[in-house]
Amino acid sequence: MHNKETDFEGKINSLKRSDFKPLLNLIPKIQATSWFGKLKGGTKNKDGSICMPYYEENEVVSLFRSIAYDIPIIIPFDWGKWEKGRKIVNNPYFDYRTIDRITICKIITAIVRNDRFRF
């Protein structure tokens, strides 16, 4: 049976530390960012129509997403039902050094793909 997730494990595990450098180099910019996105629109035009609300993301968000796909570390799996990941992400005291590379990539995948639903 063909398992997309298993196929990606080999790719992810074969990545060298240097392959992650573009993402790691982004950390200072992420830490210096005061906002990651803003809800815009929703205003009434002169003719009475409403400008539909939309989300304007900070450049660092777009850059992070682009780098994650370029490396590539986005894993195809059912991230919306991944309870273990939800617990990890919602625990402010979780030590990310205790998890393997695949789990870290799953967390990044869930965050990147979470553009409609709260993870």
N, C-alpha and C. Protein backbone atom coordinates (compact mmCIF):
# COMPACT_ATOMS: atom_id res chain seq x y z
N MET A 1 0.84 -1.19 0.00
CA MET A 1 0.00 0.00 0.00
C MET A 1 0.88 1.25 0.00
N HIS A 2 0.49 2.22 -0.78
CA HIS A 2 1.23 3.47 -0.92
C HIS A 2 0.83 4.41 0.21
N ASN A 3 1.79 4.85 1.00
CA ASN A 3 1.51 5.74 2.11
C ASN A 3 2.32 7.02 1.92
N LYS A 4 1.64 8.12 1.60
CA LYS A 4 2.33 9.39 1.35
C LYS A 4 3.16 9.84 2.54
N GLU A 5 2.62 9.62 3.75
CA GLU A 5 3.34 10.04 4.94
C GLU A 5 4.65 9.28 5.07
N THR A 6 4.63 7.98 4.86
CA THR A 6 5.84 7.17 4.95
C THR A 6 6.84 7.58 3.88
N ASP A 7 6.36 7.86 2.68
CA ASP A 7 7.24 8.32 1.60
C ASP A 7 8.00 9.58 2.01
N PHE A 8 7.33 10.47 2.73
CA PHE A 8 7.97 11.72 3.13
C PHE A 8 8.95 11.52 4.28
N GLU A 9 8.76 10.49 5.09
CA GLU A 9 9.68 10.26 6.20
C GLU A 9 11.11 10.10 5.71
N GLY A 10 11.28 9.33 4.64
CA GLY A 10 12.61 9.14 4.08
C GLY A 10 13.21 10.44 3.57
N LYS A 11 12.39 11.23 2.89
CA LYS A 11 12.87 12.53 2.37
C LYS A 11 13.25 13.47 3.51
N ILE A 12 12.37 13.56 4.50
CA ILE A 12 12.62 14.46 5.63
C ILE A 12 13.88 14.03 6.38
N ASN A 13 13.99 12.73 6.65
CA ASN A 13 15.15 12.24 7.40
C ASN A 13 16.45 12.33 6.62
N SER A 14 16.36 12.44 5.29
CA SER A 14 17.59 12.56 4.48
C SER A 14 18.06 14.01 4.35
N LEU A 15 17.24 14.95 4.79
CA LEU A 15 17.65 16.35 4.74
C LEU A 15 18.83 16.59 5.67
N LYS A 16 19.76 17.41 5.23
CA LYS A 16 20.92 17.77 6.06
C LYS A 16 20.55 18.97 6.93
N ARG A 17 21.31 19.15 7.96
CA ARG A 17 21.11 20.29 8.86
C ARG A 17 21.14 21.60 8.06
N SER A 18 22.02 21.67 7.09
CA SER A 18 22.16 22.89 6.28
C SER A 18 20.92 23.18 5.44
N ASP A 19 20.12 22.15 5.15
CA ASP A 19 18.88 22.35 4.38
C ASP A 19 17.88 23.19 5.16
N PHE A 20 17.99 23.17 6.49
CA PHE A 20 17.07 23.92 7.34
C PHE A 20 17.55 25.35 7.61
N LYS A 21 18.74 25.68 7.14
CA LYS A 21 19.33 27.00 7.40
C LYS A 21 18.43 28.17 7.00
N PRO A 22 17.79 28.14 5.82
CA PRO A 22 16.92 29.28 5.48
C PRO A 22 15.80 29.51 6.51
N LEU A 23 15.27 28.43 7.04
CA LEU A 23 14.21 28.55 8.04
C LEU A 23 14.78 29.05 9.37
N LEU A 24 15.92 28.53 9.75
CA LEU A 24 16.56 28.96 10.99
C LEU A 24 17.01 30.41 10.91
N ASN A 25 17.46 30.83 9.74
CA ASN A 25 17.87 32.23 9.56
C ASN A 25 16.70 33.20 9.69
N LEU A 26 15.50 32.70 9.58
CA LEU A 26 14.30 33.53 9.67
C LEU A 26 13.90 33.81 11.13
N ILE A 27 14.45 33.05 12.06
CA ILE A 27 14.07 33.17 13.48
C ILE A 27 14.20 34.60 14.01
N PRO A 28 15.32 35.30 13.81
CA PRO A 28 15.40 36.68 14.33
C PRO A 28 14.31 37.59 13.77
N LYS A 29 13.99 37.42 12.51
CA LYS A 29 12.94 38.24 11.89
C LYS A 29 11.57 37.91 12.51
N ILE A 30 11.32 36.63 12.76
CA ILE A 30 10.07 36.21 13.40
C ILE A 30 9.98 36.81 14.80
N GLN A 31 11.08 36.71 15.55
CA GLN A 31 11.09 37.23 16.92
C GLN A 31 10.91 38.74 16.96
N ALA A 32 11.34 39.44 15.94
CA ALA A 32 11.22 40.90 15.89
C ALA A 32 9.87 41.37 15.36
N THR A 33 9.04 40.44 14.93
CA THR A 33 7.75 40.79 14.33
C THR A 33 6.71 41.06 15.42
N SER A 34 6.06 42.20 15.33
CA SER A 34 5.05 42.55 16.33
C SER A 34 3.64 42.11 15.92
N TRP A 35 3.43 41.90 14.62
CA TRP A 35 2.13 41.42 14.15
C TRP A 35 2.36 40.46 12.99
N PHE A 36 1.54 39.43 12.93
CA PHE A 36 1.69 38.42 11.88
C PHE A 36 0.59 38.52 10.83
N GLY A 37 -0.46 39.23 11.16
CA GLY A 37 -1.53 39.42 10.21
C GLY A 37 -2.59 40.36 10.78
N LYS A 38 -3.35 40.94 9.87
CA LYS A 38 -4.41 41.87 10.27
C LYS A 38 -5.65 41.59 9.44
N LEU A 39 -6.80 41.70 10.08
CA LEU A 39 -8.06 41.61 9.37
C LEU A 39 -8.35 42.98 8.78
N LYS A 40 -8.60 43.01 7.50
CA LYS A 40 -8.86 44.27 6.79
C LYS A 40 -10.22 44.19 6.11
N GLY A 41 -10.64 45.32 5.60
CA GLY A 41 -11.91 45.38 4.89
C GLY A 41 -13.09 45.37 5.86
N GLY A 42 -14.23 44.93 5.36
CA GLY A 42 -15.44 44.93 6.17
C GLY A 42 -16.05 46.31 6.30
N THR A 43 -15.53 47.24 5.52
CA THR A 43 -16.02 48.62 5.59
C THR A 43 -17.12 48.84 4.55
N LYS A 44 -17.97 49.79 4.86
CA LYS A 44 -19.07 50.12 3.96
C LYS A 44 -18.60 51.16 2.94
N ASN A 45 -18.84 50.87 1.68
CA ASN A 45 -18.52 51.82 0.61
C ASN A 45 -19.60 52.89 0.51
N LYS A 46 -19.31 53.97 -0.21
CA LYS A 46 -20.27 55.07 -0.37
C LYS A 46 -21.58 54.61 -0.98
N ASP A 47 -21.52 53.60 -1.86
CA ASP A 47 -22.74 53.12 -2.51
C ASP A 47 -23.53 52.13 -1.64
N GLY A 48 -23.04 51.88 -0.42
CA GLY A 48 -23.74 50.99 0.50
C GLY A 48 -23.23 49.56 0.47
N SER A 49 -22.47 49.22 -0.54
CA SER A 49 -21.90 47.87 -0.60
C SER A 49 -20.79 47.75 0.44
N ILE A 50 -20.47 46.52 0.76
CA ILE A 50 -19.46 46.28 1.78
C ILE A 50 -18.22 45.66 1.15
N CYS A 51 -17.08 46.20 1.51
CA CYS A 51 -15.80 45.62 1.09
C CYS A 51 -15.60 44.36 1.93
N MET A 52 -15.56 43.21 1.28
CA MET A 52 -15.44 41.95 2.00
C MET A 52 -14.18 41.93 2.86
N PRO A 53 -14.30 41.44 4.10
CA PRO A 53 -13.12 41.35 4.95
C PRO A 53 -12.11 40.35 4.37
N TYR A 54 -10.87 40.64 4.59
CA TYR A 54 -9.80 39.75 4.15
C TYR A 54 -8.65 39.85 5.15
N TYR A 55 -7.78 38.89 5.09
CA TYR A 55 -6.66 38.83 6.02
C TYR A 55 -5.38 39.21 5.29
N GLU A 56 -4.71 40.21 5.81
CA GLU A 56 -3.43 40.63 5.25
C GLU A 56 -2.33 40.10 6.17
N GLU A 57 -1.51 39.18 5.64
CA GLU A 57 -0.47 38.61 6.47
C GLU A 57 0.84 39.39 6.33
N ASN A 58 1.60 39.37 7.39
CA ASN A 58 2.91 40.00 7.39
C ASN A 58 3.82 39.25 6.41
N GLU A 59 4.76 39.96 5.84
CA GLU A 59 5.71 39.39 4.88
C GLU A 59 6.43 38.16 5.46
N VAL A 60 6.73 38.18 6.76
CA VAL A 60 7.46 37.07 7.37
C VAL A 60 6.65 35.78 7.33
N VAL A 61 5.33 35.88 7.38
CA VAL A 61 4.46 34.70 7.29
C VAL A 61 4.56 34.08 5.90
N SER A 62 4.49 34.91 4.89
CA SER A 62 4.61 34.43 3.51
C SER A 62 5.98 33.81 3.28
N LEU A 63 7.00 34.44 3.80
CA LEU A 63 8.36 33.94 3.65
C LEU A 63 8.53 32.59 4.34
N PHE A 64 8.01 32.46 5.55
CA PHE A 64 8.08 31.19 6.29
C PHE A 64 7.41 30.07 5.49
N ARG A 65 6.21 30.36 4.99
CA ARG A 65 5.47 29.35 4.22
C ARG A 65 6.25 28.94 2.98
N SER A 66 6.76 29.91 2.27
CA SER A 66 7.51 29.65 1.05
C SER A 66 8.74 28.77 1.33
N ILE A 67 9.48 29.10 2.38
CA ILE A 67 10.66 28.33 2.74
C ILE A 67 10.28 26.91 3.14
N ALA A 68 9.21 26.76 3.91
CA ALA A 68 8.78 25.43 4.35
C ALA A 68 8.44 24.54 3.16
N TYR A 69 7.81 25.11 2.14
CA TYR A 69 7.50 24.33 0.94
C TYR A 69 8.75 24.09 0.09
N ASP A 70 9.67 25.04 0.07
CA ASP A 70 10.88 24.90 -0.75
C ASP A 70 11.85 23.85 -0.20
N ILE A 71 11.91 23.67 1.11
CA ILE A 71 12.91 22.76 1.69
C ILE A 71 12.76 21.33 1.17
N PRO A 72 11.74 20.63 1.05
CA PRO A 72 10.35 20.76 1.49
C PRO A 72 10.12 19.97 2.79
N ILE A 73 9.39 20.60 3.71
CA ILE A 73 9.10 19.91 4.97
C ILE A 73 7.60 19.82 5.26
N ILE A 74 6.78 20.13 4.29
CA ILE A 74 5.33 20.01 4.44
C ILE A 74 4.94 18.56 4.13
N ILE A 75 4.34 17.90 5.11
CA ILE A 75 4.01 16.48 5.02
C ILE A 75 2.52 16.29 4.77
N PRO A 76 2.15 15.45 3.81
CA PRO A 76 0.72 15.19 3.60
C PRO A 76 0.19 14.21 4.65
N PHE A 77 -0.64 14.72 5.54
CA PHE A 77 -1.30 13.88 6.55
C PHE A 77 -2.53 14.64 7.04
N ASP A 78 -3.39 13.96 7.77
CA ASP A 78 -4.63 14.57 8.25
C ASP A 78 -4.35 15.40 9.50
N TRP A 79 -3.76 16.55 9.28
CA TRP A 79 -3.34 17.41 10.38
C TRP A 79 -4.52 17.90 11.23
N GLY A 80 -5.68 18.05 10.65
CA GLY A 80 -6.84 18.54 11.39
C GLY A 80 -7.31 17.59 12.47
N LYS A 81 -7.00 16.31 12.33
CA LYS A 81 -7.41 15.30 13.32
C LYS A 81 -6.25 14.86 14.21
N TRP A 82 -5.11 15.52 14.10
CA TRP A 82 -3.91 15.12 14.82
C TRP A 82 -3.92 15.70 16.24
N GLU A 83 -4.48 14.95 17.16
CA GLU A 83 -4.66 15.40 18.54
C GLU A 83 -3.33 15.59 19.27
N LYS A 84 -2.37 14.71 19.03
CA LYS A 84 -1.06 14.83 19.68
C LYS A 84 -0.42 16.18 19.35
N GLY A 85 -0.49 16.57 18.09
CA GLY A 85 0.08 17.85 17.67
C GLY A 85 -0.63 19.03 18.31
N ARG A 86 -1.95 18.93 18.40
CA ARG A 86 -2.74 20.01 19.02
C ARG A 86 -2.30 20.20 20.48
N LYS A 87 -2.08 19.09 21.18
CA LYS A 87 -1.65 19.17 22.59
C LYS A 87 -0.26 19.79 22.70
N ILE A 88 0.63 19.40 21.80
CA ILE A 88 1.99 19.95 21.82
C ILE A 88 1.95 21.47 21.59
N VAL A 89 1.27 21.90 20.53
CA VAL A 89 1.24 23.31 20.16
C VAL A 89 0.57 24.17 21.23
N ASN A 90 -0.42 23.63 21.90
CA ASN A 90 -1.15 24.40 22.92
C ASN A 90 -0.50 24.36 24.30
N ASN A 91 0.63 23.67 24.42
CA ASN A 91 1.34 23.60 25.69
C ASN A 91 2.53 24.56 25.65
N PRO A 92 2.44 25.70 26.33
CA PRO A 92 3.52 26.68 26.27
C PRO A 92 4.83 26.19 26.91
N TYR A 93 4.77 25.11 27.66
CA TYR A 93 5.96 24.59 28.34
C TYR A 93 6.56 23.38 27.62
N PHE A 94 6.00 23.02 26.48
CA PHE A 94 6.49 21.83 25.79
C PHE A 94 7.92 22.04 25.31
N ASP A 95 8.75 21.03 25.52
CA ASP A 95 10.16 21.09 25.11
C ASP A 95 10.27 20.45 23.72
N TYR A 96 10.36 21.28 22.70
CA TYR A 96 10.41 20.79 21.32
C TYR A 96 11.68 20.00 21.01
N ARG A 97 12.67 20.09 21.87
CA ARG A 97 13.90 19.31 21.67
C ARG A 97 13.66 17.82 21.92
N THR A 98 12.51 17.47 22.49
CA THR A 98 12.22 16.08 22.83
C THR A 98 11.53 15.31 21.71
N ILE A 99 11.21 15.97 20.60
CA ILE A 99 10.50 15.28 19.52
C ILE A 99 11.38 15.13 18.30
N ASP A 100 11.03 14.15 17.49
CA ASP A 100 11.83 13.86 16.30
C ASP A 100 11.51 14.83 15.16
N ARG A 101 12.31 14.74 14.12
CA ARG A 101 12.20 15.63 12.97
C ARG A 101 10.85 15.51 12.27
N ILE A 102 10.33 14.29 12.15
CA ILE A 102 9.04 14.09 11.48
C ILE A 102 7.93 14.81 12.24
N THR A 103 7.94 14.69 13.57
CA THR A 103 6.91 15.36 14.38
C THR A 103 7.02 16.87 14.26
N ILE A 104 8.23 17.39 14.24
CA ILE A 104 8.42 18.83 14.06
C ILE A 104 7.86 19.27 12.71
N CYS A 105 8.13 18.48 11.67
CA CYS A 105 7.62 18.81 10.34
C CYS A 105 6.10 18.71 10.29
N LYS A 106 5.53 17.77 11.04
CA LYS A 106 4.07 17.67 11.11
C LYS A 106 3.49 18.92 11.77
N ILE A 107 4.14 19.40 12.82
CA ILE A 107 3.67 20.61 13.51
C ILE A 107 3.75 21.80 12.55
N ILE A 108 4.84 21.93 11.85
CA ILE A 108 4.98 23.03 10.88
C ILE A 108 3.91 22.91 9.79
N THR A 109 3.67 21.69 9.31
CA THR A 109 2.63 21.45 8.31
C THR A 109 1.27 21.91 8.82
N ALA A 110 0.94 21.51 10.05
CA ALA A 110 -0.36 21.87 10.62
C ALA A 110 -0.50 23.38 10.75
N ILE A 111 0.55 24.05 11.16
CA ILE A 111 0.50 25.50 11.31
C ILE A 111 0.37 26.19 9.95
N VAL A 112 1.16 25.75 8.99
CA VAL A 112 1.13 26.35 7.65
C VAL A 112 -0.21 26.13 6.97
N ARG A 113 -0.77 24.94 7.11
CA ARG A 113 -2.02 24.63 6.43
C ARG A 113 -3.26 25.12 7.18
N ASN A 114 -3.05 25.56 8.37
CA ASN A 114 -4.16 26.00 9.21
C ASN A 114 -4.59 27.41 8.84
N ASP A 115 -5.00 27.58 7.60
CA ASP A 115 -5.44 28.91 7.17
C ASP A 115 -6.94 29.10 7.28
N ARG A 116 -7.66 28.05 7.63
CA ARG A 116 -9.12 28.16 7.76
C ARG A 116 -9.65 27.69 9.10
N PHE A 117 -8.96 26.74 9.69
CA PHE A 117 -9.46 26.13 10.92
C PHE A 117 -8.43 26.27 12.02
N ARG A 118 -8.89 26.43 13.22
CA ARG A 118 -7.97 26.56 14.35
C ARG A 118 -7.40 25.20 14.69
N PHE A 119 -6.07 25.11 14.76
CA PHE A 119 -5.38 23.86 15.09
C PHE A 119 -5.25 23.79 16.56
